[in-house]
Amino acid sequence: MKRIHALLLPLLTFASALALAAAPSETDRHPFPHNVTYAHGIAPQKVSQAEKNTDLETMWQAWRRTYLLQEGAAPGELRVTTGGPRGFAISEGIGFGMLISVYMANPANTGRADFDALARYYLRHEKVADGVRYGLMAWRISPDNKIADNWVAPDGDIDAAFAFLVADRKWGSDGKIDYRAHAVRVINSLMKWSVNKPSFTISRGEFESGYTMSSYHIVSLFPAFAKASGDARWNQVIDSSYSMYEYFLNLNPSTALTPYTFTVADYSYSARGYHYGYDSSRVPWRVALDYLWRGDAASPVAKLLPDRNAKWLRETTGGDLDSPYARYNLDGTRFKNSGTDPRITVAPMAVAAMVDASNQDWLDTQYAWLRRQIPGERVGGAGPSYFADTVMLCCMLVLTGNMPALAE
């Protein structure tokens, strides 16, 4: 076994551990399908587990055909494109792709090969500036495989680090890629560069710490970071994140919607976008997943916020799932002239509905709508949309009982 000792991690370049190889294990300790009943909350009831698994596999294969490409990547790598062969790849999409692939993988499908190829792409596009290696992925990569925007959006790195931890749990780390070593390296880099101190909010760190985004505060994944790294400061990040979410729950208790951006200092208005939309639309899924895995151990807000989100969507749409807008003001009214993009709004809200039994009918209604969606095809007046389709697939992992807390 060629496990890298923790004391040597700072000495390694971001991708150098790729060269440390041993015979990879063929054993998958946690293959898809996972078929879990979460410790808390509810699940869609009107379809069988076998049907849910088929729904998810069908959606995954359509997503792979549309967004997972070798073109524009180096040999042995894959990238998630924002739109066809000439589309860019962004760190957020690579993180999503790694998360999807590691949970979908079993010995009979392409999941592990996809994951390893995406991991190589992630590792080879590290942010490097003025001779400093940041241990985090540069945000945007051009279709000719060059870094186009050399800054960090930490949500992609958060998903990538967690996906590495899941990969370690599934396959071990004594093969061609030391999954656990990379996970710990990314987790430590996030703490160094993207966690504001002493507030312990997350933003672009030293790049721009005056504002942050609610979607960066992925409370469902941070407990695994504290355990894997041994850094108790991640518990402070969890507490800070829930304090922020509680603020927005109290600010608009009829919706509990969180804004795209806001100031680090006091969660106040940011001209970059103080409304609910594409980025913050992920919050109901991220927070609800923490409740499904752990209940309200970290905060009552783990249940209260997504439950309020789910009930608000039902009230504001009257149950018409083709009608949700892509953007809303925090009070739940339509944001300016926002168009519709129901996949990005409905899928995270469906996960949010899972936190309370009073939402069972609404959850079943949303799931019935989601299982008919096909990534890469238009829905109403929207799409196809890389972001909406990819977030929808991540949410379907949760909805179908195929996203257990494997990293803990």
Protein backbone atom coordinates (compact mmCIF):
# COMPACT_ATOMS: atom_id res chain seq x y z
CA MET A 1 0.00 0.00 0.00
CA LYS A 2 1.32 3.45 -0.88
CA ARG A 3 -0.81 5.61 1.40
CA ILE A 4 0.73 9.06 1.74
CA HIS A 5 1.56 10.02 5.31
CA ALA A 6 -0.34 13.11 6.46
CA LEU A 7 2.90 14.92 7.34
CA LEU A 8 4.04 14.71 3.71
CA LEU A 9 0.86 16.14 2.19
CA PRO A 10 2.03 19.79 2.12
CA LEU A 11 5.15 18.72 0.23
CA LEU A 12 3.22 17.21 -2.63
CA THR A 13 2.00 19.12 -5.63
CA PHE A 14 -1.72 18.98 -6.24
CA ALA A 15 -1.54 16.21 -8.85
CA SER A 16 1.69 14.43 -7.98
CA ALA A 17 0.00 11.62 -6.05
CA LEU A 18 -1.48 10.43 -9.33
CA ALA A 19 1.88 8.86 -10.03
CA LEU A 20 1.84 6.79 -6.85
CA ALA A 21 0.25 3.57 -7.93
CA ALA A 22 -0.45 0.10 -6.65
CA ALA A 23 -2.73 -2.59 -7.95
CA PRO A 24 -6.23 -1.07 -7.66
CA SER A 25 -8.84 -2.94 -5.69
CA GLU A 26 -11.73 -4.28 -7.74
CA THR A 27 -13.94 -4.51 -4.66
CA ASP A 28 -16.72 -1.96 -4.33
CA ARG A 29 -17.87 -2.00 -0.72
CA HIS A 30 -20.89 0.20 -1.42
CA PRO A 31 -22.08 -0.33 -5.02
CA PHE A 32 -25.10 1.31 -6.59
CA PRO A 33 -27.99 0.86 -5.91
CA HIS A 34 -27.78 1.85 -2.26
CA ASN A 35 -31.51 1.53 -1.44
CA VAL A 36 -31.25 3.33 1.89
CA THR A 37 -33.94 4.54 4.22
CA TYR A 38 -32.59 7.74 5.70
CA ALA A 39 -32.39 8.02 9.47
CA HIS A 40 -34.85 10.92 9.43
CA GLY A 41 -37.61 12.24 7.19
CA ILE A 42 -39.75 10.60 4.51
CA ALA A 43 -39.37 9.31 0.95
CA PRO A 44 -41.53 9.19 -2.20
CA GLN A 45 -44.11 6.44 -1.65
CA LYS A 46 -46.05 5.91 -4.87
CA VAL A 47 -43.28 4.11 -6.76
CA SER A 48 -41.27 1.06 -5.76
CA GLN A 49 -37.57 1.14 -4.94
CA ALA A 50 -36.85 -0.74 -8.16
CA GLU A 51 -38.72 1.93 -10.14
CA LYS A 52 -36.79 4.69 -8.35
CA ASN A 53 -33.50 3.04 -9.25
CA THR A 54 -34.56 2.75 -12.88
CA ASP A 55 -35.66 6.40 -12.91
CA LEU A 56 -32.26 7.43 -11.60
CA GLU A 57 -30.25 5.24 -13.98
CA THR A 58 -32.26 6.50 -16.96
CA MET A 59 -31.68 10.12 -15.95
CA TRP A 60 -27.98 9.48 -15.31
CA GLN A 61 -27.41 7.94 -18.74
CA ALA A 62 -29.15 10.86 -20.45
CA TRP A 63 -27.04 13.27 -18.41
CA ARG A 64 -23.83 11.41 -19.34
CA ARG A 65 -24.67 11.54 -23.05
CA THR A 66 -25.35 15.26 -22.88
CA TYR A 67 -22.80 16.72 -20.49
CA LEU A 68 -19.95 14.26 -19.84
CA LEU A 69 -17.33 14.63 -22.56
CA GLN A 70 -13.78 13.54 -23.31
CA GLU A 71 -13.50 16.21 -26.00
CA GLY A 72 -11.71 19.23 -24.55
CA ALA A 73 -9.95 17.13 -21.90
CA ALA A 74 -6.58 15.39 -21.89
CA PRO A 75 -6.36 11.64 -22.58
CA GLY A 76 -7.67 9.67 -19.63
CA GLU A 77 -9.77 12.60 -18.42
CA LEU A 78 -13.41 13.66 -18.70
CA ARG A 79 -15.09 16.98 -18.13
CA VAL A 80 -18.63 18.18 -17.48
CA THR A 81 -19.47 20.73 -20.15
CA THR A 82 -21.77 23.69 -19.68
CA GLY A 83 -23.00 23.14 -23.21
CA GLY A 84 -21.70 20.82 -25.91
CA PRO A 85 -18.12 20.29 -27.12
CA ARG A 86 -17.46 24.05 -27.27
CA GLY A 87 -18.83 24.65 -23.79
CA PHE A 88 -16.58 25.55 -20.89
CA ALA A 89 -16.06 23.37 -17.83
CA ILE A 90 -16.32 24.93 -14.38
CA SER A 91 -15.19 23.61 -11.03
CA GLU A 92 -18.78 23.43 -9.80
CA GLY A 93 -19.68 21.07 -12.64
CA ILE A 94 -16.63 18.86 -12.08
CA GLY A 95 -17.54 18.59 -8.39
CA PHE A 96 -21.11 17.68 -9.27
CA GLY A 97 -19.88 15.11 -11.77
CA MET A 98 -17.58 13.49 -9.22
CA LEU A 99 -20.40 13.35 -6.67
CA ILE A 100 -22.79 11.78 -9.18
CA SER A 101 -20.27 9.28 -10.54
CA VAL A 102 -19.05 7.98 -7.19
CA TYR A 103 -22.58 7.28 -5.95
CA MET A 104 -23.71 5.74 -9.24
CA ALA A 105 -20.70 3.45 -9.60
CA ASN A 106 -20.87 -0.32 -9.41
CA PRO A 107 -18.71 -3.03 -11.00
CA ALA A 108 -21.07 -3.34 -13.97
CA ASN A 109 -21.18 0.30 -15.10
CA THR A 110 -18.89 3.19 -16.01
CA GLY A 111 -19.21 5.03 -12.70
CA ARG A 112 -15.70 4.39 -11.36
CA ALA A 113 -14.04 5.06 -14.70
CA ASP A 114 -16.02 8.29 -14.98
CA PHE A 115 -15.06 9.29 -11.45
CA ASP A 116 -11.35 8.66 -11.94
CA ALA A 117 -11.32 10.55 -15.25
CA LEU A 118 -13.12 13.53 -13.69
CA ALA A 119 -10.76 13.39 -10.71
CA ARG A 120 -7.75 13.62 -13.01
CA TYR A 121 -9.29 16.61 -14.76
CA TYR A 122 -10.01 18.27 -11.40
CA LEU A 123 -6.48 17.69 -10.13
CA ARG A 124 -4.74 18.96 -13.28
CA HIS A 125 -6.51 22.32 -13.23
CA GLU A 126 -5.33 23.66 -9.89
CA LYS A 127 -5.28 27.38 -9.21
CA VAL A 128 -1.65 28.50 -9.23
CA ALA A 129 -0.73 32.17 -8.90
CA ASP A 130 2.58 33.89 -8.19
CA GLY A 131 4.18 30.55 -7.52
CA VAL A 132 1.56 29.59 -4.91
CA ARG A 133 -0.31 26.31 -5.33
CA TYR A 134 -3.73 26.66 -3.76
CA GLY A 135 -4.82 23.03 -3.74
CA LEU A 136 -8.19 24.04 -5.21
CA MET A 137 -9.46 23.99 -8.79
CA ALA A 138 -9.39 27.06 -11.00
CA TRP A 139 -12.97 28.07 -11.67
CA ARG A 140 -13.34 27.93 -15.47
CA ILE A 141 -11.57 25.86 -18.13
CA SER A 142 -11.91 26.58 -21.85
CA PRO A 143 -12.89 23.92 -24.42
CA ASP A 144 -9.26 23.84 -25.55
CA ASN A 145 -8.28 22.70 -22.03
CA LYS A 146 -6.75 25.94 -20.78
CA ILE A 147 -7.55 27.80 -17.57
CA ALA A 148 -9.76 30.72 -18.52
CA ASP A 149 -10.61 32.11 -15.06
CA ASN A 150 -8.00 31.50 -12.38
CA TRP A 151 -10.05 32.05 -9.25
CA VAL A 152 -11.79 29.65 -6.88
CA ALA A 153 -15.49 28.92 -6.38
CA PRO A 154 -15.34 26.71 -3.28
CA ASP A 155 -18.60 24.82 -3.77
CA GLY A 156 -17.00 22.74 -6.52
CA ASP A 157 -14.05 21.91 -4.29
CA ILE A 158 -16.37 21.02 -1.40
CA ASP A 159 -18.22 18.49 -3.56
CA ALA A 160 -14.95 17.14 -4.96
CA ALA A 161 -13.44 16.65 -1.49
CA PHE A 162 -16.54 14.84 -0.26
CA ALA A 163 -16.62 12.68 -3.40
CA PHE A 164 -12.99 11.69 -2.76
CA LEU A 165 -13.98 10.61 0.77
CA VAL A 166 -16.84 8.49 -0.60
CA ALA A 167 -14.46 6.96 -3.17
CA ASP A 168 -12.09 6.01 -0.37
CA ARG A 169 -14.95 4.33 1.48
CA LYS A 170 -16.04 2.45 -1.64
CA TRP A 171 -12.72 1.37 -3.15
CA GLY A 172 -9.97 2.18 -0.70
CA SER A 173 -7.02 4.42 -1.53
CA ASP A 174 -4.24 2.01 -2.47
CA GLY A 175 -4.79 2.20 -6.21
CA LYS A 176 -3.67 4.65 -8.87
CA ILE A 177 -5.37 7.56 -7.10
CA ASP A 178 -5.04 8.01 -3.35
CA TYR A 179 -8.58 9.26 -2.85
CA ARG A 180 -8.24 9.95 0.85
CA ALA A 181 -4.99 11.88 0.53
CA HIS A 182 -6.58 14.13 -2.08
CA ALA A 183 -9.71 14.60 0.05
CA VAL A 184 -7.71 15.72 3.07
CA ARG A 185 -5.53 18.00 0.94
CA VAL A 186 -8.56 19.75 -0.57
CA ILE A 187 -10.31 20.01 2.82
CA ASN A 188 -7.22 21.64 4.36
CA SER A 189 -6.87 23.97 1.38
CA LEU A 190 -10.49 25.05 1.75
CA MET A 191 -9.92 25.84 5.41
CA LYS A 192 -6.81 27.84 4.53
CA TRP A 193 -8.06 29.81 1.54
CA SER A 194 -11.87 29.86 1.52
CA VAL A 195 -12.97 30.02 5.15
CA ASN A 196 -13.14 33.57 6.48
CA LYS A 197 -11.80 33.97 10.00
CA PRO A 198 -12.98 34.70 12.62
CA SER A 199 -16.51 34.58 11.12
CA PHE A 200 -16.00 31.05 9.71
CA THR A 201 -18.19 31.85 6.77
CA ILE A 202 -17.14 30.57 3.34
CA SER A 203 -16.36 32.71 0.34
CA ARG A 204 -13.59 33.14 -2.18
CA GLY A 205 -11.35 33.64 0.82
CA GLU A 206 -8.38 35.87 0.22
CA PHE A 207 -9.63 36.55 -3.28
CA GLU A 208 -12.72 38.47 -2.16
CA SER A 209 -13.89 38.11 1.43
CA GLY A 210 -16.37 40.99 1.63
CA TYR A 211 -19.29 38.93 0.42
CA THR A 212 -20.34 35.32 0.38
CA MET A 213 -23.01 33.03 -1.08
CA SER A 214 -25.53 30.90 0.75
CA SER A 215 -24.83 28.01 -1.63
CA TYR A 216 -21.23 27.79 -0.37
CA HIS A 217 -22.42 26.73 3.10
CA ILE A 218 -22.95 23.02 2.43
CA VAL A 219 -23.72 21.95 5.98
CA SER A 220 -24.51 18.35 5.03
CA LEU A 221 -20.89 17.69 3.99
CA PHE A 222 -18.89 19.55 6.64
CA PRO A 223 -19.17 16.96 9.46
CA ALA A 224 -17.24 14.53 7.24
CA PHE A 225 -14.57 17.21 6.71
CA ALA A 226 -14.09 17.64 10.46
CA LYS A 227 -13.73 13.89 10.91
CA ALA A 228 -11.41 13.26 7.96
CA SER A 229 -9.09 16.21 8.62
CA GLY A 230 -9.20 16.18 12.41
CA ASP A 231 -9.77 19.95 12.23
CA ALA A 232 -12.45 20.96 14.74
CA ARG A 233 -12.77 24.37 13.09
CA TRP A 234 -15.15 22.78 10.61
CA ASN A 235 -17.62 22.60 13.50
CA GLN A 236 -17.35 26.37 13.73
CA VAL A 237 -18.13 26.56 10.00
CA ILE A 238 -21.26 24.45 10.61
CA ASP A 239 -22.37 26.70 13.48
CA SER A 240 -21.73 29.84 11.45
CA SER A 241 -23.61 28.42 8.47
CA TYR A 242 -26.66 27.60 10.54
CA SER A 243 -26.58 31.03 12.18
CA MET A 244 -26.70 32.52 8.69
CA TYR A 245 -29.56 30.24 7.64
CA GLU A 246 -31.46 31.08 10.82
CA TYR A 247 -31.10 34.77 10.00
CA PHE A 248 -32.78 34.33 6.62
CA LEU A 249 -35.44 32.03 8.08
CA ASN A 250 -36.36 34.79 10.52
CA LEU A 251 -36.04 37.53 7.88
CA ASN A 252 -38.74 35.97 5.68
CA PRO A 253 -40.46 33.24 7.73
CA SER A 254 -43.14 32.69 5.10
CA THR A 255 -40.54 31.58 2.52
CA ALA A 256 -37.16 31.00 4.27
CA LEU A 257 -35.51 31.76 0.93
CA THR A 258 -31.81 32.61 0.96
CA PRO A 259 -30.10 35.10 -1.37
CA TYR A 260 -27.55 34.46 -4.05
CA THR A 261 -25.00 36.79 -2.42
CA PHE A 262 -24.78 38.91 0.73
CA THR A 263 -22.16 40.56 2.91
CA VAL A 264 -20.00 38.50 5.22
CA ALA A 265 -20.27 41.10 7.98
CA ASP A 266 -24.03 41.11 8.61
CA TYR A 267 -25.77 39.17 5.78
CA SER A 268 -27.00 42.43 4.29
CA TYR A 269 -27.62 43.49 0.71
CA SER A 270 -25.06 42.74 -1.97
CA ALA A 271 -25.36 44.37 -5.38
CA ARG A 272 -24.18 41.10 -6.91
CA GLY A 273 -27.63 39.63 -6.36
CA TYR A 274 -29.73 39.71 -3.21
CA HIS A 275 -32.38 37.31 -4.46
CA TYR A 276 -33.14 33.59 -4.59
CA GLY A 277 -32.03 31.98 -7.84
CA TYR A 278 -29.74 29.57 -9.60
CA ASP A 279 -26.97 29.37 -7.02
CA SER A 280 -29.03 29.63 -3.85
CA SER A 281 -31.66 27.29 -5.30
CA ARG A 282 -29.38 24.47 -4.11
CA VAL A 283 -29.79 25.42 -0.45
CA PRO A 284 -33.05 23.49 0.21
CA TRP A 285 -31.36 20.27 -1.00
CA ARG A 286 -28.10 20.85 0.86
CA VAL A 287 -29.74 21.67 4.20
CA ALA A 288 -32.44 19.01 3.94
CA LEU A 289 -29.79 16.34 3.31
CA ASP A 290 -28.17 17.23 6.64
CA TYR A 291 -31.52 16.59 8.31
CA LEU A 292 -32.09 13.30 6.46
CA TRP A 293 -28.69 12.03 7.56
CA ARG A 294 -28.46 13.48 11.09
CA GLY A 295 -31.78 14.99 12.11
CA ASP A 296 -31.52 18.38 13.79
CA ALA A 297 -28.40 17.51 15.78
CA ALA A 298 -26.59 20.60 14.47
CA SER A 299 -29.56 22.98 14.55
CA PRO A 300 -33.38 22.96 14.46
CA VAL A 301 -32.95 25.01 11.27
CA ALA A 302 -31.91 21.78 9.50
CA LYS A 303 -35.59 20.91 9.42
CA LEU A 304 -37.31 24.27 9.77
CA LEU A 305 -35.73 25.98 6.76
CA PRO A 306 -36.30 23.29 4.09
CA ASP A 307 -39.77 22.52 5.44
CA ARG A 308 -40.74 26.17 5.06
CA ASN A 309 -39.17 26.25 1.58
CA ALA A 310 -41.18 23.21 0.48
CA LYS A 311 -44.47 24.53 1.80
CA TRP A 312 -43.86 27.94 0.24
CA LEU A 313 -43.36 26.43 -3.23
CA ARG A 314 -46.63 24.54 -2.96
CA GLU A 315 -48.45 27.66 -1.84
CA THR A 316 -46.96 29.95 -4.48
CA THR A 317 -47.45 27.59 -7.43
CA GLY A 318 -50.73 26.00 -6.41
CA GLY A 319 -49.08 22.68 -7.26
CA ASP A 320 -48.36 23.61 -10.90
CA LEU A 321 -44.82 22.34 -11.35
CA ASP A 322 -44.37 23.76 -14.84
CA SER A 323 -44.78 27.29 -13.50
CA PRO A 324 -41.91 28.02 -11.06
CA TYR A 325 -39.67 30.93 -11.96
CA ALA A 326 -35.90 30.68 -11.94
CA ARG A 327 -35.54 33.66 -9.58
CA TYR A 328 -37.58 35.04 -6.71
CA ASN A 329 -37.31 37.93 -4.30
CA LEU A 330 -36.75 36.73 -0.76
CA ASP A 331 -40.39 37.43 0.09
CA GLY A 332 -41.43 34.92 -2.58
CA THR A 333 -42.53 37.31 -5.30
CA ARG A 334 -41.20 37.05 -8.84
CA PHE A 335 -37.78 38.63 -9.32
CA LYS A 336 -37.92 41.33 -12.00
CA ASN A 337 -38.65 39.62 -15.34
CA SER A 338 -37.42 36.17 -14.41
CA GLY A 339 -38.31 33.38 -16.78
CA THR A 340 -39.29 29.89 -15.78
CA ASP A 341 -36.79 27.10 -15.18
CA PRO A 342 -38.77 24.59 -13.16
CA ARG A 343 -36.13 21.87 -12.87
CA ILE A 344 -33.77 24.07 -10.87
CA THR A 345 -36.57 25.19 -8.57
CA VAL A 346 -38.53 21.94 -8.18
CA ALA A 347 -35.75 19.38 -7.66
CA PRO A 348 -34.14 20.94 -4.54
CA MET A 349 -37.60 21.74 -3.14
CA ALA A 350 -38.58 18.08 -3.55
CA VAL A 351 -35.64 17.09 -1.35
CA ALA A 352 -36.73 19.82 1.08
CA ALA A 353 -40.18 18.22 1.30
CA MET A 354 -38.59 15.03 2.62
CA VAL A 355 -37.96 16.55 6.06
CA ASP A 356 -41.56 16.32 7.30
CA ALA A 357 -44.40 13.81 6.94
CA SER A 358 -46.92 16.60 6.38
CA ASN A 359 -45.33 17.06 2.93
CA GLN A 360 -45.93 13.47 1.74
CA ASP A 361 -48.51 14.26 -0.95
CA TRP A 362 -46.48 17.22 -2.18
CA LEU A 363 -43.30 15.13 -2.27
CA ASP A 364 -45.05 12.41 -4.29
CA THR A 365 -46.40 15.03 -6.71
CA GLN A 366 -42.96 16.55 -7.22
CA TYR A 367 -41.32 13.15 -7.66
CA ALA A 368 -43.92 12.14 -10.28
CA TRP A 369 -43.03 15.29 -12.22
CA LEU A 370 -39.26 14.86 -11.84
CA ARG A 371 -39.16 11.23 -12.97
CA ARG A 372 -40.51 12.33 -16.36
CA GLN A 373 -37.72 14.86 -16.95
CA ILE A 374 -34.93 14.04 -19.41
CA PRO A 375 -31.60 15.87 -19.13
CA GLY A 376 -30.68 17.57 -22.37
CA GLU A 377 -34.29 18.18 -23.42
CA ARG A 378 -36.28 21.36 -23.03
CA VAL A 379 -38.93 21.70 -20.37
CA GLY A 380 -41.54 24.35 -21.04
CA GLY A 381 -39.73 27.47 -22.15
CA ALA A 382 -36.44 26.53 -20.49
CA GLY A 383 -33.44 24.42 -21.25
CA PRO A 384 -31.61 22.38 -21.86
CA SER A 385 -29.61 23.74 -18.97
CA TYR A 386 -26.40 22.18 -17.69
CA PHE A 387 -26.98 23.63 -14.23
CA ALA A 388 -30.64 22.68 -13.87
CA ASP A 389 -30.13 19.18 -15.29
CA THR A 390 -27.09 18.47 -13.13
CA VAL A 391 -28.61 19.74 -9.89
CA MET A 392 -31.75 17.76 -10.71
CA LEU A 393 -29.71 14.58 -11.05
CA CYS A 394 -27.93 15.23 -7.73
CA CYS A 395 -31.32 15.69 -6.08
CA MET A 396 -32.60 12.48 -7.64
CA LEU A 397 -29.76 10.62 -5.90
CA VAL A 398 -31.25 11.78 -2.61
CA LEU A 399 -34.89 11.32 -3.56
CA THR A 400 -34.38 7.70 -4.66
CA GLY A 401 -32.52 6.62 -1.52
CA ASN A 402 -29.17 6.47 -3.29
CA MET A 403 -27.13 9.02 -1.36
CA PRO A 404 -26.19 7.48 1.99
CA ALA A 405 -23.70 9.22 4.30
CA LEU A 406 -20.81 7.02 3.19
CA ALA A 407 -18.03 9.42 4.18
CA GLU A 408 -18.64 9.15 7.93
